[in-house]
Amino acid sequence: MSYNRREFLQHLGIGALQLGVISAIPASAWASSLSYGQLPRSSPESQGMSAKGILDFANAVEADRLNLHSLMVLRQGKVVAEGWWAPYAPDLKHTLYSLSKSFTSSAIGFAVAEGKLKVDDKVISFFPEDKPATVSANLAAMRVRDLLSMSTGHDKDTTGKLRESGSDNWVKSFLAQPVEHEPGTFFVYNSGATYMLSAIIQKLSGQTLLEYLKPRLFQPLVIEDVDWEVDPKGINTGGWGLRVKTEDIAKFGQLYLQKGEYNGKRILPAAWVEEATRSHIMSKGSNRKPEDDDWQQGYGYQFWRCRNGAYRGDGAFGQYCIVMPKEDMVVAITSETGDMQAILNHVWNHILPTVKATGVPADKGIQSEMQKKLGSLALPLTPGKPASDLAAKMNGRSFKLAENELKINKVSFEFDKGWCLFRVTDDKGEHLVVNGLGNWKIGLTDLSTLPLKLVLTPVPGEKKTKIAANGAWIDDTTFEMTWRFIETAHYETVRCKFEGDNLQVEFKRSLAIIGNTKDPRPVLSGKAIA
């Protein structure tokens, strides 16, 4: 079985990775290299910051293995630092998880400004055909503002009930849930509530949330190539599932920092920005002391209050849009971490203190060190050796797999200098992944990313997704691949253990690795095909 050159190059598509091309450009060159819609660039010192704090932040998050994917720091409206941990890159979208909620809140702000609704409107008034036969007093009292502030009165997050109800009508399923508390009095983080905001926008406008936001928010901020996951009826999920680039997160933060203005134009009413980002209800934190916990500072309209007078939109595993009004600063971060508080601690401990009231003298050595660091960020490759004596014996071999719930019936390997082609055949056909040996190979795959996600909702129309893959021999008989689905937050490892003519294939998704839990998928067993 050979992999011809044309097929190989077509599959790679995006090409081999080039590290740090954007981040390594000197600040003085930015003015001439910006493309349409990009934020202006500057050095930290010329905007009253020290490069050392940003350098210290990058070193600290790596030392703590917090698995950041990107960082962008804005001061006074200019990007003063940016970096992407390879294989993540500036031109890639990234799953935002619950950071999507802050964009959904903005849609309600537009709708209020256009007179389409008021925040005191009752939720059931929008869906008379979907309300239950008996409407409880608490359900009847639930307002749009209660959806916005996570104070719907539900005792638990409704999201699981929506997905597990067996109905494709999530609105009806939401309204059918018991409302145990008086709305407006009891906080519980509730992505189902944000989904209902999306459903309200679609009901009022006849457009999906994404369609509604394009001319109002995304086009004025020059945020392009956006997508958003949907429920079974095509309603955008609202509380999760938006994908934009890191710079788009930063633009959104800058819009809010400027109280709804962008490039000198009024986009959102200043009164809405003020209302959305103040505390409406006390949120529930962890077992940390309130003074150490950024989840115990209050909750707004789909925005969290933070320590240090800041506020943020945030999403699972460390997707952040942090706005610091006093410092005139925005920090955008994407990651896949199991310790979201640790990232915020490093922002407060390293980036925040670098802001000075007066000019900061330029330290060329530190500037150069910061640029070098941000221009060469990279996540670790699969640990191990790029070659093994066994590779030549396994080259071109196929293995028939025993019947399994994943419906994978065959896998094969092709090893060559610098790469390994892995083919997997299941009930949907053959899928190819090209793994770099000692480097990342970037390409496209039609393998489903659903098993890797926290919430199993699809991006409409997505047939292929971008992937970065590499492999290594972790011992003489075990080849392990790391597949990063680089427009999501997630990755997985695929471990292939050879024993004579027998093969075992074990999948482990990153959520299981972070949580130190077992991946729910079975270990597959196979025999070599003669």
Protein backbone atom coordinates (compact mmCIF):
# COMPACT_ATOMS: atom_id res chain seq x y z
CA MET A 1 0.00 0.00 0.00
CA SER A 2 1.73 3.22 -1.07
CA TYR A 3 0.87 6.83 -0.44
CA ASN A 4 1.56 8.70 -3.67
CA ARG A 5 3.12 12.16 -3.59
CA ARG A 6 0.00 13.95 -4.83
CA GLU A 7 -2.21 12.28 -2.22
CA PHE A 8 0.35 13.09 0.47
CA LEU A 9 0.60 16.77 -0.45
CA GLN A 10 -3.19 17.09 -0.84
CA HIS A 11 -3.70 15.60 2.59
CA LEU A 12 -1.14 17.83 4.24
CA GLY A 13 -2.93 20.75 2.62
CA ILE A 14 -1.92 23.35 5.14
CA GLY A 15 1.70 22.21 5.05
CA ALA A 16 4.39 21.60 7.62
CA LEU A 17 4.37 23.95 10.59
CA GLN A 18 6.33 27.18 10.66
CA LEU A 19 6.86 28.38 14.21
CA GLY A 20 6.34 31.91 15.42
CA VAL A 21 6.21 33.68 12.06
CA ILE A 22 3.82 36.34 13.34
CA SER A 23 5.05 36.65 16.92
CA ALA A 24 8.70 37.09 15.98
CA ILE A 25 8.20 40.22 13.84
CA PRO A 26 9.80 43.24 15.58
CA ALA A 27 7.32 45.78 16.92
CA SER A 28 8.74 48.48 14.63
CA ALA A 29 7.69 46.50 11.55
CA TRP A 30 4.04 46.06 12.52
CA ALA A 31 2.70 49.25 11.00
CA SER A 32 3.62 48.13 7.49
CA SER A 33 2.64 44.47 7.92
CA LEU A 34 -0.92 44.78 9.25
CA SER A 35 -3.70 43.43 7.11
CA TYR A 36 -7.25 44.82 6.95
CA GLY A 37 -9.03 44.66 10.26
CA GLN A 38 -6.01 43.87 12.40
CA LEU A 39 -5.45 45.71 15.64
CA PRO A 40 -2.48 48.10 15.71
CA ARG A 41 0.77 46.75 17.18
CA SER A 42 3.22 48.37 19.54
CA SER A 43 5.90 47.52 22.07
CA PRO A 44 4.95 47.10 25.74
CA GLU A 45 7.22 49.95 26.85
CA SER A 46 5.73 52.49 24.45
CA GLN A 47 2.33 51.71 25.99
CA GLY A 48 3.51 52.02 29.58
CA MET A 49 4.25 48.36 30.32
CA SER A 50 7.34 46.29 30.92
CA ALA A 51 8.09 43.35 28.61
CA LYS A 52 9.52 41.48 31.61
CA GLY A 53 6.11 40.81 33.17
CA ILE A 54 4.84 39.27 29.93
CA LEU A 55 7.98 37.17 29.61
CA ASP A 56 7.55 36.06 33.23
CA PHE A 57 3.91 35.14 32.53
CA ALA A 58 4.86 32.94 29.56
CA ASN A 59 7.56 31.20 31.60
CA ALA A 60 5.24 30.72 34.59
CA VAL A 61 2.34 29.14 32.67
CA GLU A 62 4.79 26.76 31.00
CA ALA A 63 6.41 25.87 34.32
CA ASP A 64 2.95 25.05 35.69
CA ARG A 65 2.10 23.04 32.53
CA LEU A 66 -1.14 24.97 32.03
CA ASN A 67 -1.27 24.06 28.32
CA LEU A 68 -1.94 27.50 26.89
CA HIS A 69 -2.63 27.71 23.18
CA SER A 70 -2.44 31.47 22.67
CA LEU A 71 -1.92 34.81 24.39
CA MET A 72 -2.61 38.38 23.27
CA VAL A 73 -2.15 41.45 25.45
CA LEU A 74 -3.62 44.85 24.52
CA ARG A 75 -2.79 48.15 26.22
CA GLN A 76 -4.35 51.44 25.16
CA GLY A 77 -5.89 49.70 22.16
CA LYS A 78 -2.63 48.29 20.81
CA VAL A 79 -1.33 44.72 20.78
CA VAL A 80 1.84 44.78 22.87
CA ALA A 81 2.45 41.03 23.01
CA GLU A 82 1.14 37.94 21.26
CA GLY A 83 2.13 34.34 20.91
CA TRP A 84 0.79 30.93 19.89
CA TRP A 85 2.04 27.64 21.25
CA ALA A 86 2.67 25.53 18.15
CA PRO A 87 0.84 23.86 16.53
CA TYR A 88 -1.77 26.57 17.31
CA ALA A 89 -1.42 29.62 15.10
CA PRO A 90 -2.83 33.15 14.54
CA ASP A 91 -5.00 32.21 11.56
CA LEU A 92 -6.79 29.35 13.35
CA LYS A 93 -10.18 29.62 15.01
CA HIS A 94 -10.54 28.15 18.50
CA THR A 95 -13.50 26.71 20.38
CA LEU A 96 -14.58 29.25 23.02
CA TYR A 97 -16.83 27.08 25.18
CA SER A 98 -18.62 29.42 27.63
CA LEU A 99 -16.79 32.52 26.46
CA SER A 100 -19.47 32.24 23.75
CA LYS A 101 -21.97 33.40 26.40
CA SER A 102 -20.61 36.95 26.43
CA PHE A 103 -21.24 37.21 22.66
CA THR A 104 -24.79 35.90 23.18
CA SER A 105 -25.35 38.54 25.87
CA SER A 106 -24.25 41.17 23.33
CA ALA A 107 -26.96 39.97 20.93
CA ILE A 108 -29.56 40.62 23.63
CA GLY A 109 -28.04 44.09 24.05
CA PHE A 110 -28.57 44.79 20.35
CA ALA A 111 -32.14 43.46 20.50
CA VAL A 112 -32.94 45.67 23.50
CA ALA A 113 -31.48 48.70 21.70
CA GLU A 114 -33.61 47.90 18.65
CA GLY A 115 -36.77 47.64 20.76
CA LYS A 116 -37.26 43.96 20.03
CA LEU A 117 -37.51 43.05 23.73
CA LYS A 118 -36.96 44.22 27.30
CA VAL A 119 -34.91 42.39 29.92
CA ASP A 120 -38.00 42.24 32.14
CA ASP A 121 -40.02 40.36 29.49
CA LYS A 122 -41.19 36.96 30.67
CA VAL A 123 -39.43 33.98 29.07
CA ILE A 124 -42.64 32.02 28.40
CA SER A 125 -44.08 35.00 26.48
CA PHE A 126 -41.75 34.19 23.56
CA PHE A 127 -42.73 30.51 23.36
CA PRO A 128 -46.47 30.11 24.05
CA GLU A 129 -46.60 26.94 21.93
CA ASP A 130 -43.77 25.27 23.90
CA LYS A 131 -44.79 25.97 27.49
CA PRO A 132 -45.94 23.05 29.65
CA ALA A 133 -49.60 22.35 30.30
CA THR A 134 -49.17 23.57 33.87
CA VAL A 135 -46.97 26.64 34.29
CA SER A 136 -45.56 27.00 37.81
CA ALA A 137 -45.44 30.39 39.47
CA ASN A 138 -41.63 30.39 39.29
CA LEU A 139 -41.58 29.55 35.57
CA ALA A 140 -44.18 32.26 34.92
CA ALA A 141 -42.02 34.78 36.79
CA MET A 142 -38.76 33.98 34.92
CA ARG A 143 -37.51 37.00 32.94
CA VAL A 144 -34.89 37.54 30.26
CA ARG A 145 -32.70 39.22 32.90
CA ASP A 146 -32.82 35.98 34.92
CA LEU A 147 -31.50 34.06 31.92
CA LEU A 148 -28.76 36.67 31.52
CA SER A 149 -27.67 36.59 35.17
CA MET A 150 -27.85 32.81 35.70
CA SER A 151 -30.63 33.25 38.25
CA THR A 152 -33.42 31.37 36.49
CA GLY A 153 -34.37 29.57 39.69
CA HIS A 154 -33.23 26.15 38.57
CA ASP A 155 -31.43 24.11 41.19
CA LYS A 156 -28.98 22.65 38.63
CA ASP A 157 -27.68 23.42 35.15
CA THR A 158 -30.34 22.37 32.63
CA THR A 159 -27.95 21.63 29.74
CA GLY A 160 -27.71 17.90 30.34
CA LYS A 161 -31.51 17.60 30.49
CA LEU A 162 -31.85 19.38 27.13
CA ARG A 163 -29.43 17.02 25.40
CA GLU A 164 -30.71 13.88 27.11
CA SER A 165 -34.42 14.58 26.78
CA GLY A 166 -34.72 12.60 23.54
CA SER A 167 -36.52 15.55 21.96
CA ASP A 168 -35.14 17.78 19.25
CA ASN A 169 -37.14 20.66 20.79
CA TRP A 170 -34.73 21.98 23.39
CA VAL A 171 -36.88 25.03 24.13
CA LYS A 172 -39.78 22.79 25.17
CA SER A 173 -37.43 20.64 27.23
CA PHE A 174 -36.05 23.72 29.04
CA LEU A 175 -39.52 25.02 29.88
CA ALA A 176 -40.50 21.56 31.16
CA GLN A 177 -37.77 21.55 33.84
CA PRO A 178 -38.87 22.22 37.43
CA VAL A 179 -37.97 25.72 38.68
CA GLU A 180 -37.24 25.15 42.35
CA HIS A 181 -36.36 28.71 43.41
CA GLU A 182 -37.80 32.15 42.87
CA PRO A 183 -36.11 33.59 39.72
CA GLY A 184 -33.63 36.34 40.43
CA THR A 185 -32.73 35.02 43.89
CA PHE A 186 -30.63 31.89 43.31
CA PHE A 187 -27.46 31.62 41.20
CA VAL A 188 -26.59 28.45 39.35
CA TYR A 189 -24.34 28.37 36.29
CA ASN A 190 -26.74 27.29 33.58
CA SER A 191 -25.71 26.99 29.93
CA GLY A 192 -29.30 26.03 29.10
CA ALA A 193 -30.30 29.56 30.13
CA THR A 194 -27.91 31.02 27.56
CA TYR A 195 -29.25 28.62 24.93
CA MET A 196 -32.68 30.14 25.60
CA LEU A 197 -31.29 33.61 24.88
CA SER A 198 -30.17 32.31 21.48
CA ALA A 199 -33.61 30.80 20.89
CA ILE A 200 -35.26 34.13 21.78
CA ILE A 201 -33.05 36.00 19.28
CA GLN A 202 -34.00 33.50 16.57
CA LYS A 203 -37.69 33.71 17.46
CA LEU A 204 -37.70 37.52 17.33
CA SER A 205 -35.47 38.06 14.31
CA GLY A 206 -36.07 35.00 12.14
CA GLN A 207 -32.28 34.62 12.02
CA THR A 208 -29.91 32.40 13.91
CA LEU A 209 -27.86 34.09 16.61
CA LEU A 210 -24.82 33.90 14.32
CA GLU A 211 -26.70 35.50 11.41
CA TYR A 212 -28.08 38.20 13.72
CA LEU A 213 -24.64 39.10 15.09
CA LYS A 214 -22.80 39.20 11.76
CA PRO A 215 -23.84 42.71 10.61
CA ARG A 216 -24.14 44.10 14.15
CA LEU A 217 -20.97 42.81 15.81
CA PHE A 218 -18.74 40.64 13.66
CA GLN A 219 -18.57 42.79 10.52
CA PRO A 220 -17.90 46.11 12.34
CA LEU A 221 -15.07 44.43 14.27
CA VAL A 222 -13.83 42.64 11.11
CA ILE A 223 -14.31 39.22 12.69
CA GLU A 224 -14.51 36.75 9.81
CA ASP A 225 -14.77 33.00 9.23
CA VAL A 226 -16.95 32.51 12.32
CA ASP A 227 -19.01 29.43 13.10
CA TRP A 228 -21.25 28.29 15.96
CA GLU A 229 -22.51 24.87 17.01
CA VAL A 230 -26.24 24.11 16.78
CA ASP A 231 -28.97 22.09 18.47
CA PRO A 232 -30.95 19.46 16.52
CA LYS A 233 -33.22 22.19 15.07
CA GLY A 234 -30.35 24.41 13.91
CA ILE A 235 -30.62 26.93 16.75
CA ASN A 236 -27.14 28.14 17.77
CA THR A 237 -26.23 26.71 21.17
CA GLY A 238 -25.56 30.18 22.62
CA GLY A 239 -23.89 29.03 25.83
CA TRP A 240 -21.00 27.33 24.02
CA GLY A 241 -19.83 26.39 20.54
CA LEU A 242 -18.65 29.69 19.02
CA ARG A 243 -15.27 29.61 17.22
CA VAL A 244 -13.23 32.73 16.47
CA LYS A 245 -9.53 33.60 16.38
CA THR A 246 -7.50 34.89 19.34
CA GLU A 247 -7.35 38.38 17.86
CA ASP A 248 -11.14 38.33 17.52
CA ILE A 249 -11.43 37.67 21.27
CA ALA A 250 -9.14 40.65 21.85
CA LYS A 251 -11.25 42.88 19.57
CA PHE A 252 -14.38 41.90 21.47
CA GLY A 253 -12.68 42.79 24.75
CA GLN A 254 -11.55 46.13 23.31
CA LEU A 255 -15.14 46.92 22.25
CA TYR A 256 -16.26 46.42 25.85
CA LEU A 257 -13.28 48.29 27.27
CA GLN A 258 -14.29 51.25 25.08
CA LYS A 259 -17.87 50.98 26.40
CA GLY A 260 -19.32 49.82 23.11
CA GLU A 261 -17.28 51.94 20.70
CA TYR A 262 -14.90 50.56 18.11
CA ASN A 263 -12.78 52.47 15.59
CA GLY A 264 -14.60 55.64 16.60
CA LYS A 265 -18.07 54.21 15.93
CA ARG A 266 -20.80 53.35 18.40
CA ILE A 267 -21.51 49.59 18.14
CA LEU A 268 -23.25 48.72 21.43
CA PRO A 269 -24.96 51.21 23.77
CA ALA A 270 -22.64 52.27 26.60
CA ALA A 271 -25.49 51.73 29.06
CA TRP A 272 -25.72 48.07 27.99
CA VAL A 273 -21.98 47.51 28.44
CA GLU A 274 -22.21 49.02 31.92
CA GLU A 275 -25.26 46.92 32.82
CA ALA A 276 -23.86 43.67 31.38
CA THR A 277 -20.52 43.87 33.15
CA ARG A 278 -21.61 44.91 36.67
CA SER A 279 -22.49 42.34 39.32
CA HIS A 280 -26.17 41.36 39.44
CA ILE A 281 -25.91 38.35 41.73
CA MET A 282 -23.26 36.72 43.87
CA SER A 283 -21.79 33.72 42.14
CA LYS A 284 -20.82 30.51 43.88
CA GLY A 285 -17.13 29.82 44.08
CA SER A 286 -15.02 26.92 45.19
CA ASN A 287 -13.52 26.11 48.58
CA ARG A 288 -11.04 28.96 48.08
CA LYS A 289 -11.32 32.16 50.11
CA PRO A 290 -13.30 34.87 48.24
CA GLU A 291 -10.23 37.12 48.12
CA ASP A 292 -8.37 34.35 46.24
CA ASP A 293 -11.22 33.26 43.97
CA ASP A 294 -12.18 34.92 40.68
CA TRP A 295 -15.45 32.95 40.72
CA GLN A 296 -16.68 34.66 43.90
CA GLN A 297 -16.67 38.26 42.70
CA GLY A 298 -20.22 38.42 41.31
CA TYR A 299 -21.88 37.68 37.98
CA GLY A 300 -23.28 40.08 35.39
CA TYR A 301 -25.08 39.42 32.14
CA GLN A 302 -22.97 36.46 30.98
CA PHE A 303 -19.81 38.14 32.24
CA TRP A 304 -17.90 37.31 35.42
CA ARG A 305 -16.58 39.98 37.73
CA CYS A 306 -12.90 39.50 38.68
CA ARG A 307 -10.55 40.63 41.37
CA ASN A 308 -8.58 43.84 40.72
CA GLY A 309 -11.63 45.67 39.37
CA ALA A 310 -11.63 43.62 36.17
CA TYR A 311 -14.29 41.52 34.46
CA ARG A 312 -14.16 38.70 31.95
CA GLY A 313 -15.88 36.34 29.62
CA ASP A 314 -14.53 32.85 30.11
CA GLY A 315 -14.95 29.33 28.85
CA ALA A 316 -14.14 25.82 30.03
CA PHE A 317 -10.47 24.80 30.06
CA GLY A 318 -9.24 28.40 30.02
CA GLN A 319 -10.72 30.47 27.19
CA TYR A 320 -10.44 34.06 28.41
CA CYS A 321 -11.35 37.61 27.45
CA ILE A 322 -10.17 39.66 30.44
CA VAL A 323 -10.98 43.38 30.52
CA MET A 324 -9.15 45.67 32.97
CA PRO A 325 -10.74 49.13 32.73
CA LYS A 326 -8.44 50.84 35.26
CA GLU A 327 -5.36 49.70 33.35
CA ASP A 328 -6.88 50.23 29.86
CA MET A 329 -5.94 46.66 29.08
CA VAL A 330 -7.38 43.48 27.51
CA VAL A 331 -5.90 39.97 27.73
CA ALA A 332 -7.09 37.20 25.38
CA ILE A 333 -6.10 33.59 26.13
CA THR A 334 -7.00 30.19 24.72
CA SER A 335 -5.94 26.96 26.37
CA GLU A 336 -6.86 23.52 27.59
CA THR A 337 -6.12 23.56 31.29
CA GLY A 338 -7.48 21.79 34.31
CA ASP A 339 -6.68 24.81 36.53
CA MET A 340 -8.37 27.95 35.23
CA GLN A 341 -7.70 29.91 38.43
CA ALA A 342 -3.96 29.38 38.02
CA ILE A 343 -3.97 31.20 34.68
CA LEU A 344 -5.79 34.18 36.20
CA ASN A 345 -3.36 34.19 39.14
CA HIS A 346 -0.47 34.48 36.69
CA VAL A 347 -2.22 37.37 34.88
CA TRP A 348 -2.60 39.23 38.20
CA ASN A 349 0.88 38.34 39.44
CA HIS A 350 2.88 38.98 36.27
CA ILE A 351 1.03 41.01 33.62
CA LEU A 352 -1.04 43.39 35.77
CA PRO A 353 1.89 44.76 37.83
CA THR A 354 3.83 45.72 34.68
CA VAL A 355 1.43 48.61 33.98
CA LYS A 356 2.98 51.92 35.02
CA ALA A 357 1.40 55.34 35.29
CA THR A 358 4.35 56.98 33.56
CA GLY A 359 6.61 56.06 30.68
CA VAL A 360 8.64 52.87 30.91
CA PRO A 361 12.20 53.00 29.58
CA ALA A 362 12.82 50.49 26.82
CA ASP A 363 15.08 47.60 27.78
CA LYS A 364 16.21 46.21 24.43
CA GLY A 365 17.56 43.03 26.03
CA ILE A 366 14.27 42.17 27.76
CA GLN A 367 12.25 43.19 24.67
CA SER A 368 14.35 40.89 22.53
CA GLU A 369 14.04 38.07 25.06
CA MET A 370 10.24 38.46 25.18
CA GLN A 371 9.95 38.49 21.38
CA LYS A 372 12.20 35.45 21.10
CA LYS A 373 10.14 33.62 23.70
CA LEU A 374 6.77 34.48 22.14
CA GLY A 375 8.10 33.68 18.67
CA SER A 376 9.17 30.15 19.57
CA LEU A 377 6.36 28.91 21.81
CA ALA A 378 5.52 25.24 21.28
CA LEU A 379 3.62 22.49 23.02
CA PRO A 380 5.61 19.31 23.61
CA LEU A 381 5.75 16.63 20.95
CA THR A 382 4.97 13.01 21.74
CA PRO A 383 7.88 11.93 23.98
CA GLY A 384 9.98 9.15 22.52
CA LYS A 385 12.22 8.28 19.58
CA PRO A 386 11.40 9.08 15.93
CA ALA A 387 12.55 5.64 14.78
CA SER A 388 12.53 2.00 15.82
CA ASP A 389 13.80 -1.22 14.23
CA LEU A 390 10.16 -2.31 14.21
CA ALA A 391 9.10 0.57 11.93
CA ALA A 392 10.56 -1.12 8.84
CA LYS A 393 8.71 -4.35 9.66
CA MET A 394 5.40 -2.54 10.21
CA ASN A 395 5.76 -0.36 7.11
CA GLY A 396 2.86 -1.08 4.76
CA ARG A 397 1.22 -3.60 7.12
CA SER A 398 -2.51 -3.71 7.74
CA PHE A 399 -4.32 -5.11 10.77
CA LYS A 400 -7.87 -6.45 10.90
CA LEU A 401 -9.55 -5.44 14.15
CA ALA A 402 -11.98 -7.46 16.23
CA GLU A 403 -15.56 -6.19 16.23
CA ASN A 404 -15.89 -3.09 18.41
CA GLU A 405 -18.37 -0.34 19.26
CA LEU A 406 -16.29 2.24 17.35
CA LYS A 407 -16.92 0.21 14.19
CA ILE A 408 -13.25 0.42 13.23
CA ASN A 409 -12.37 -2.69 11.24
CA LYS A 410 -8.87 -2.03 9.89
CA VAL A 411 -5.79 0.11 10.49
CA SER A 412 -2.50 0.31 8.62
CA PHE A 413 0.84 2.09 8.88
CA GLU A 414 3.28 3.54 6.41
CA PHE A 415 6.59 4.84 7.76
CA ASP A 416 8.99 7.04 5.84
CA LYS A 417 11.67 9.54 6.72
CA GLY A 418 10.08 12.25 8.87
CA TRP A 419 6.50 10.98 8.80
CA CYS A 420 4.10 8.13 9.42
CA LEU A 421 0.82 7.70 7.59
CA PHE A 422 -1.87 6.08 9.73
CA ARG A 423 -4.98 4.79 7.95
CA VAL A 424 -8.10 3.84 9.84
CA THR A 425 -11.14 2.26 8.19
CA ASP A 426 -14.55 2.29 9.85
CA ASP A 427 -18.21 2.13 8.83
CA LYS A 428 -17.90 5.60 7.26
CA GLY A 429 -14.86 4.78 5.10
CA GLU A 430 -11.11 5.33 5.21
CA HIS A 431 -9.53 8.18 7.19
CA LEU A 432 -5.92 9.32 6.89
CA VAL A 433 -3.70 11.03 9.45
CA VAL A 434 -0.13 12.03 8.59
CA ASN A 435 2.05 12.18 11.70
CA GLY A 436 5.34 14.03 11.80
CA LEU A 437 8.25 12.20 13.40
CA GLY A 438 10.05 14.83 15.46
CA ASN A 439 7.73 17.59 14.22
CA TRP A 440 4.07 18.43 13.65
CA LYS A 441 2.38 17.73 10.33
CA ILE A 442 -0.63 19.95 9.68
CA GLY A 443 -3.50 18.71 7.57
CA LEU A 444 -7.21 18.05 7.32
CA THR A 445 -9.12 15.06 8.59
CA ASP A 446 -12.68 13.81 8.31
CA LEU A 447 -12.41 12.02 11.66
CA SER A 448 -15.17 13.25 13.97
CA THR A 449 -14.15 15.58 16.80
CA LEU A 450 -17.39 14.90 18.72
CA PRO A 451 -15.86 12.23 21.01
CA LEU A 452 -13.32 14.79 22.22
CA LYS A 453 -15.80 17.53 23.18
CA LEU A 454 -17.34 18.41 26.51
CA VAL A 455 -20.73 18.92 24.82
CA LEU A 456 -21.63 16.78 21.82
CA THR A 457 -23.06 19.40 19.45
CA PRO A 458 -21.93 19.77 15.83
CA VAL A 459 -20.66 22.70 13.77
CA PRO A 460 -23.15 22.89 10.89
CA GLY A 461 -21.74 21.61 7.62
CA GLU A 462 -18.30 20.77 8.99
CA LYS A 463 -17.04 17.73 7.09
CA LYS A 464 -13.31 18.14 7.74
CA THR A 465 -11.33 19.70 10.53
CA LYS A 466 -7.76 20.89 10.84
CA ILE A 467 -5.38 18.55 12.62
CA ALA A 468 -1.75 18.64 13.74
CA ALA A 469 -0.25 15.22 14.32
CA ASN A 470 3.03 13.75 15.41
CA GLY A 471 4.23 10.36 16.60
CA ALA A 472 7.11 8.70 18.39
CA TRP A 473 8.22 5.27 19.57
CA ILE A 474 7.75 5.39 23.33
CA ASP A 475 9.49 2.00 23.55
CA ASP A 476 10.74 -0.56 21.05
CA THR A 477 7.27 -2.03 20.41
CA THR A 478 4.90 0.92 21.05
CA PHE A 479 4.19 3.76 18.63
CA GLU A 480 2.17 6.63 20.07
CA MET A 481 0.55 9.46 18.12
CA THR A 482 -0.66 12.84 19.40
CA TRP A 483 -3.46 14.37 17.35
CA ARG A 484 -4.30 17.99 18.10
CA PHE A 485 -7.55 19.16 16.56
CA ILE A 486 -6.25 22.70 16.31
CA GLU A 487 -9.53 24.55 15.85
CA THR A 488 -10.89 22.95 19.02
CA ALA A 489 -9.42 23.04 22.52
CA HIS A 490 -8.69 19.31 22.45
CA TYR A 491 -6.29 16.57 21.45
CA GLU A 492 -6.01 12.84 21.83
CA THR A 493 -3.28 10.24 22.00
CA VAL A 494 -3.45 7.00 20.04
CA ARG A 495 -1.17 4.25 21.38
CA CYS A 496 -0.38 1.29 19.11
CA LYS A 497 1.35 -1.67 20.77
CA PHE A 498 2.77 -4.38 18.49
CA GLU A 499 3.35 -7.93 19.66
CA GLY A 500 4.28 -10.28 16.82
CA ASP A 501 1.27 -10.28 14.47
CA ASN A 502 -0.99 -8.76 17.15
CA LEU A 503 -1.84 -5.11 17.66
CA GLN A 504 -3.58 -3.17 20.41
CA VAL A 505 -4.87 0.37 19.76
CA GLU A 506 -5.80 2.58 22.71
CA PHE A 507 -7.40 6.03 22.37
CA LYS A 508 -7.20 8.61 25.14
CA ARG A 509 -8.84 12.02 24.77
CA SER A 510 -7.33 15.06 26.46
CA LEU A 511 -10.27 15.50 28.84
CA ALA A 512 -9.45 12.06 30.27
CA ILE A 513 -5.75 12.97 30.44
CA ILE A 514 -6.50 16.24 32.29
CA GLY A 515 -8.94 14.56 34.65
CA ASN A 516 -6.79 11.46 35.06
CA THR A 517 -9.81 9.33 34.17
CA LYS A 518 -10.37 6.40 31.85
CA ASP A 519 -11.32 7.14 28.26
CA PRO A 520 -14.75 5.61 27.63
CA ARG A 521 -13.67 4.09 24.30
CA PRO A 522 -12.53 0.46 24.27
CA VAL A 523 -8.99 -0.77 23.61
CA LEU A 524 -9.05 -2.33 20.14
CA SER A 525 -7.35 -5.62 19.28
CA GLY A 526 -6.24 -6.73 15.83
CA LYS A 527 -4.23 -9.24 13.83
CA ALA A 528 -1.93 -8.62 10.90
CA ILE A 529 -3.42 -9.30 7.48
CA ALA A 530 -1.11 -11.67 5.60
